[in-house]
């Protein structure tokens, strides 16, 4: 991957903690599982061995992903509430076409939590909101057509 990966300090800390846990706890545990399973005999038909090797592959893939993200991290420290328009990290209140208010916080892909209103700044809604100001209309293309969101406030 290339390019910067914008994120908050909190997300950066979470990624570092996950990477460290995988390297210091999960990786040694799976290596031990592989050794124990290897001692059980024929590797061709040893389900424990194959499961441990598969888990090791997943752990190594995740470590590579996390190390790449951490290396490309761009910690965003600008206070979104002082910006002239909506930027990464902002918490945005919008009103949809039916008059229902919704609140979204624009976060990195690693911090997405739709149930908590945290959406990726690179999602269709996130992209539509970035750069808008209070009173603007953000148009989001959905499978059901264009969805219009009125920007009520952001902080």
C-alpha atoms as a PDB file:
ATOM      1  CA  UNK A   1       0.000   0.000   0.000  1.00  0.00           C
ATOM      2  CA  UNK A   2       1.075   3.557  -0.451  1.00  0.00           C
ATOM      3  CA  UNK A   3       0.001   7.011   0.677  1.00  0.00           C
ATOM      4  CA  UNK A   4      -0.615   8.362   4.113  1.00  0.00           C
ATOM      5  CA  UNK A   5      -3.140   6.802   6.454  1.00  0.00           C
ATOM      6  CA  UNK A   6      -4.877   9.589   8.394  1.00  0.00           C
ATOM      7  CA  UNK A   7      -5.961   8.588  11.893  1.00  0.00           C
ATOM      8  CA  UNK A   8      -6.412   9.892  15.384  1.00  0.00           C
ATOM      9  CA  UNK A   9      -3.849   9.324  18.110  1.00  0.00           C
ATOM     10  CA  UNK A  10      -6.289   6.928  19.767  1.00  0.00           C
ATOM     11  CA  UNK A  11      -6.599   4.770  16.636  1.00  0.00           C
ATOM     12  CA  UNK A  12      -2.814   4.802  16.226  1.00  0.00           C
ATOM     13  CA  UNK A  13      -2.402   3.641  19.838  1.00  0.00           C
ATOM     14  CA  UNK A  14      -4.982   0.876  19.310  1.00  0.00           C
ATOM     15  CA  UNK A  15      -3.186  -0.384  16.183  1.00  0.00           C
ATOM     16  CA  UNK A  16       0.178  -0.393  18.010  1.00  0.00           C
ATOM     17  CA  UNK A  17      -1.336  -2.282  20.959  1.00  0.00           C
ATOM     18  CA  UNK A  18      -2.897  -4.880  18.655  1.00  0.00           C
ATOM     19  CA  UNK A  19       0.392  -5.339  16.775  1.00  0.00           C
ATOM     20  CA  UNK A  20       2.329  -5.706  20.023  1.00  0.00           C
ATOM     21  CA  UNK A  21      -0.167  -8.265  21.358  1.00  0.00           C
ATOM     22  CA  UNK A  22       0.065 -10.287  18.156  1.00  0.00           C
ATOM     23  CA  UNK A  23       3.865 -10.257  18.228  1.00  0.00           C
ATOM     24  CA  UNK A  24       4.379 -10.840  21.952  1.00  0.00           C
ATOM     25  CA  UNK A  25       1.416 -13.065  22.884  1.00  0.00           C
ATOM     26  CA  UNK A  26      -0.422 -14.570  19.908  1.00  0.00           C
ATOM     27  CA  UNK A  27       2.600 -15.389  17.705  1.00  0.00           C
ATOM     28  CA  UNK A  28       4.539 -17.246  20.460  1.00  0.00           C
ATOM     29  CA  UNK A  29       1.370 -19.124  21.466  1.00  0.00           C
ATOM     30  CA  UNK A  30       0.702 -20.343  17.940  1.00  0.00           C
ATOM     31  CA  UNK A  31       4.356 -21.320  17.471  1.00  0.00           C
ATOM     32  CA  UNK A  32       4.040 -23.413  20.626  1.00  0.00           C
ATOM     33  CA  UNK A  33       0.806 -24.966  19.292  1.00  0.00           C
ATOM     34  CA  UNK A  34       2.578 -25.888  16.056  1.00  0.00           C
ATOM     35  CA  UNK A  35       5.432 -27.514  17.987  1.00  0.00           C
ATOM     36  CA  UNK A  36       3.035 -29.530  20.144  1.00  0.00           C
ATOM     37  CA  UNK A  37       0.991 -30.611  17.110  1.00  0.00           C
ATOM     38  CA  UNK A  38       4.187 -31.540  15.206  1.00  0.00           C
ATOM     39  CA  UNK A  39       5.133 -33.858  18.063  1.00  0.00           C
ATOM     40  CA  UNK A  40       1.840 -35.726  17.585  1.00  0.00           C
ATOM     41  CA  UNK A  41       3.089 -37.535  14.480  1.00  0.00           C
ATOM     42  CA  UNK A  42       2.128 -37.598  10.815  1.00  0.00           C
ATOM     43  CA  UNK A  43       1.662 -34.009   9.627  1.00  0.00           C
ATOM     44  CA  UNK A  44      -0.461 -34.919   6.575  1.00  0.00           C
ATOM     45  CA  UNK A  45      -3.433 -35.933   8.680  1.00  0.00           C
ATOM     46  CA  UNK A  46      -2.775 -33.793  11.738  1.00  0.00           C
ATOM     47  CA  UNK A  47      -5.705 -31.371  11.982  1.00  0.00           C
ATOM     48  CA  UNK A  48      -4.256 -29.537  14.987  1.00  0.00           C
ATOM     49  CA  UNK A  49      -1.054 -28.848  13.066  1.00  0.00           C
ATOM     50  CA  UNK A  50      -2.900 -27.543   9.990  1.00  0.00           C
ATOM     51  CA  UNK A  51      -5.214 -25.373  12.104  1.00  0.00           C
ATOM     52  CA  UNK A  52      -2.263 -23.878  13.966  1.00  0.00           C
ATOM     53  CA  UNK A  53      -0.399 -23.198  10.702  1.00  0.00           C
ATOM     54  CA  UNK A  54      -3.494 -21.500   9.272  1.00  0.00           C
ATOM     55  CA  UNK A  55      -3.835 -19.381  12.395  1.00  0.00           C
ATOM     56  CA  UNK A  56      -0.139 -18.486  12.140  1.00  0.00           C
ATOM     57  CA  UNK A  57      -0.729 -17.292   8.572  1.00  0.00           C
ATOM     58  CA  UNK A  58      -3.608 -15.071   9.699  1.00  0.00           C
ATOM     59  CA  UNK A  59      -1.506 -13.620  12.523  1.00  0.00           C
ATOM     60  CA  UNK A  60       1.431 -12.887  10.195  1.00  0.00           C
ATOM     61  CA  UNK A  61      -0.889 -11.260   7.631  1.00  0.00           C
ATOM     62  CA  UNK A  62      -2.452  -9.072  10.313  1.00  0.00           C
ATOM     63  CA  UNK A  63       0.970  -8.051  11.669  1.00  0.00           C
ATOM     64  CA  UNK A  64       2.085  -7.017   8.157  1.00  0.00           C
ATOM     65  CA  UNK A  65      -1.134  -5.033   7.678  1.00  0.00           C
ATOM     66  CA  UNK A  66      -0.756  -3.276  11.033  1.00  0.00           C
ATOM     67  CA  UNK A  67       2.920  -2.485  10.491  1.00  0.00           C
ATOM     68  CA  UNK A  68       2.103  -0.972   7.102  1.00  0.00           C
ATOM     69  CA  UNK A  69      -0.703   1.171   8.585  1.00  0.00           C
ATOM     70  CA  UNK A  70       1.483   2.281  11.476  1.00  0.00           C
ATOM     71  CA  UNK A  71       4.354   3.167   9.149  1.00  0.00           C
ATOM     72  CA  UNK A  72       2.033   5.280   6.977  1.00  0.00           C
ATOM     73  CA  UNK A  73       0.109   6.816   9.892  1.00  0.00           C
ATOM     74  CA  UNK A  74      -0.548  10.520   9.730  1.00  0.00           C
ATOM     75  CA  UNK A  75      -1.825  11.601  13.120  1.00  0.00           C
ATOM     76  CA  UNK A  76      -4.466  14.268  12.640  1.00  0.00           C
ATOM     77  CA  UNK A  77      -4.261  16.831  15.414  1.00  0.00           C
ATOM     78  CA  UNK A  78      -6.381  19.624  13.939  1.00  0.00           C
ATOM     79  CA  UNK A  79      -9.494  20.398  15.969  1.00  0.00           C
ATOM     80  CA  UNK A  80     -12.395  19.820  13.535  1.00  0.00           C
ATOM     81  CA  UNK A  81     -14.599  22.300  15.417  1.00  0.00           C
ATOM     82  CA  UNK A  82     -12.280  25.169  14.439  1.00  0.00           C
ATOM     83  CA  UNK A  83     -12.189  24.270  10.740  1.00  0.00           C
ATOM     84  CA  UNK A  84     -14.080  26.344   8.177  1.00  0.00           C
ATOM     85  CA  UNK A  85     -15.608  23.178   6.731  1.00  0.00           C
ATOM     86  CA  UNK A  86     -16.025  19.504   7.620  1.00  0.00           C
ATOM     87  CA  UNK A  87     -12.711  17.648   7.894  1.00  0.00           C
ATOM     88  CA  UNK A  88     -11.481  14.238   9.062  1.00  0.00           C
ATOM     89  CA  UNK A  89     -12.368  13.660  12.710  1.00  0.00           C
ATOM     90  CA  UNK A  90     -15.428  15.902  12.690  1.00  0.00           C
ATOM     91  CA  UNK A  91     -18.669  14.849  14.330  1.00  0.00           C
ATOM     92  CA  UNK A  92     -21.393  15.907  11.911  1.00  0.00           C
ATOM     93  CA  UNK A  93     -25.116  16.267  12.531  1.00  0.00           C
ATOM     94  CA  UNK A  94     -27.195  15.908   9.364  1.00  0.00           C
ATOM     95  CA  UNK A  95     -30.879  15.813   8.547  1.00  0.00           C
ATOM     96  CA  UNK A  96     -31.980  13.316   5.909  1.00  0.00           C
ATOM     97  CA  UNK A  97     -34.769  13.784   3.378  1.00  0.00           C
ATOM     98  CA  UNK A  98     -37.353  12.403   5.829  1.00  0.00           C
ATOM     99  CA  UNK A  99     -36.348  14.994   8.433  1.00  0.00           C
ATOM    100  CA  UNK A 100     -34.543  12.517  10.694  1.00  0.00           C
ATOM    101  CA  UNK A 101     -31.337  13.768  12.298  1.00  0.00           C
ATOM    102  CA  UNK A 102     -28.287  11.529  12.284  1.00  0.00           C
ATOM    103  CA  UNK A 103     -24.841  12.026  13.787  1.00  0.00           C
ATOM    104  CA  UNK A 104     -21.680  10.717  12.136  1.00  0.00           C
ATOM    105  CA  UNK A 105     -18.077  10.943  13.221  1.00  0.00           C
ATOM    106  CA  UNK A 106     -15.603  10.760  10.327  1.00  0.00           C
ATOM    107  CA  UNK A 107     -12.841   8.312  11.263  1.00  0.00           C
ATOM    108  CA  UNK A 108     -10.208   6.125   9.608  1.00  0.00           C
ATOM    109  CA  UNK A 109     -11.156   2.731   8.199  1.00  0.00           C
ATOM    110  CA  UNK A 110      -9.585   1.069  11.247  1.00  0.00           C
ATOM    111  CA  UNK A 111     -11.841   2.931  13.696  1.00  0.00           C
ATOM    112  CA  UNK A 112     -15.196   2.354  11.954  1.00  0.00           C
ATOM    113  CA  UNK A 113     -18.058   1.458  14.303  1.00  0.00           C
ATOM    114  CA  UNK A 114     -21.432   2.036  12.582  1.00  0.00           C
ATOM    115  CA  UNK A 115     -23.392   1.299  15.766  1.00  0.00           C
ATOM    116  CA  UNK A 116     -21.561   4.200  17.453  1.00  0.00           C
ATOM    117  CA  UNK A 117     -21.993   6.488  14.424  1.00  0.00           C
ATOM    118  CA  UNK A 118     -18.319   6.227  13.443  1.00  0.00           C
ATOM    119  CA  UNK A 119     -18.019   6.007   9.660  1.00  0.00           C
ATOM    120  CA  UNK A 120     -15.006   6.051   7.404  1.00  0.00           C
ATOM    121  CA  UNK A 121     -14.074   9.393   5.925  1.00  0.00           C
ATOM    122  CA  UNK A 122     -13.579   7.459   2.668  1.00  0.00           C
ATOM    123  CA  UNK A 123     -17.068   5.905   2.691  1.00  0.00           C
ATOM    124  CA  UNK A 124     -19.662   7.360   0.297  1.00  0.00           C
ATOM    125  CA  UNK A 125     -21.267   9.392   3.115  1.00  0.00           C
ATOM    126  CA  UNK A 126     -17.872  10.450   4.478  1.00  0.00           C
ATOM    127  CA  UNK A 127     -16.680  11.606   1.059  1.00  0.00           C
ATOM    128  CA  UNK A 128     -19.916  13.539   0.538  1.00  0.00           C
ATOM    129  CA  UNK A 129     -19.570  15.340   3.895  1.00  0.00           C
ATOM    130  CA  UNK A 130     -15.867  16.318   3.661  1.00  0.00           C
ATOM    131  CA  UNK A 131     -15.507  19.957   2.628  1.00  0.00           C
ATOM    132  CA  UNK A 132     -19.132  20.901   3.305  1.00  0.00           C
ATOM    133  CA  UNK A 133     -20.291  23.679   5.654  1.00  0.00           C
ATOM    134  CA  UNK A 134     -23.348  24.226   7.841  1.00  0.00           C
ATOM    135  CA  UNK A 135     -26.444  24.536   5.683  1.00  0.00           C
ATOM    136  CA  UNK A 136     -24.887  22.729   2.689  1.00  0.00           C
ATOM    137  CA  UNK A 137     -26.534  19.698   1.138  1.00  0.00           C
ATOM    138  CA  UNK A 138     -24.402  16.578   0.713  1.00  0.00           C
ATOM    139  CA  UNK A 139     -25.570  14.207  -1.986  1.00  0.00           C
ATOM    140  CA  UNK A 140     -24.796  10.542  -1.462  1.00  0.00           C
ATOM    141  CA  UNK A 141     -25.356   8.015  -4.207  1.00  0.00           C
ATOM    142  CA  UNK A 142     -26.950   4.837  -2.880  1.00  0.00           C
ATOM    143  CA  UNK A 143     -28.433   1.770  -4.585  1.00  0.00           C
ATOM    144  CA  UNK A 144     -31.861   3.357  -4.069  1.00  0.00           C
ATOM    145  CA  UNK A 145     -30.807   6.653  -5.686  1.00  0.00           C
ATOM    146  CA  UNK A 146     -29.426   9.953  -4.495  1.00  0.00           C
ATOM    147  CA  UNK A 147     -29.771  10.596  -0.766  1.00  0.00           C
ATOM    148  CA  UNK A 148     -29.605  14.259   0.290  1.00  0.00           C
ATOM    149  CA  UNK A 149     -28.231  15.156   3.714  1.00  0.00           C
ATOM    150  CA  UNK A 150     -28.486  18.696   5.072  1.00  0.00           C
ATOM    151  CA  UNK A 151     -25.522  19.680   7.228  1.00  0.00           C
ATOM    152  CA  UNK A 152     -26.996  20.934  10.510  1.00  0.00           C
ATOM    153  CA  UNK A 153     -23.794  21.253  12.557  1.00  0.00           C
ATOM    154  CA  UNK A 154     -20.298  19.869  12.983  1.00  0.00           C
ATOM    155  CA  UNK A 155     -17.717  19.903  15.720  1.00  0.00           C
END
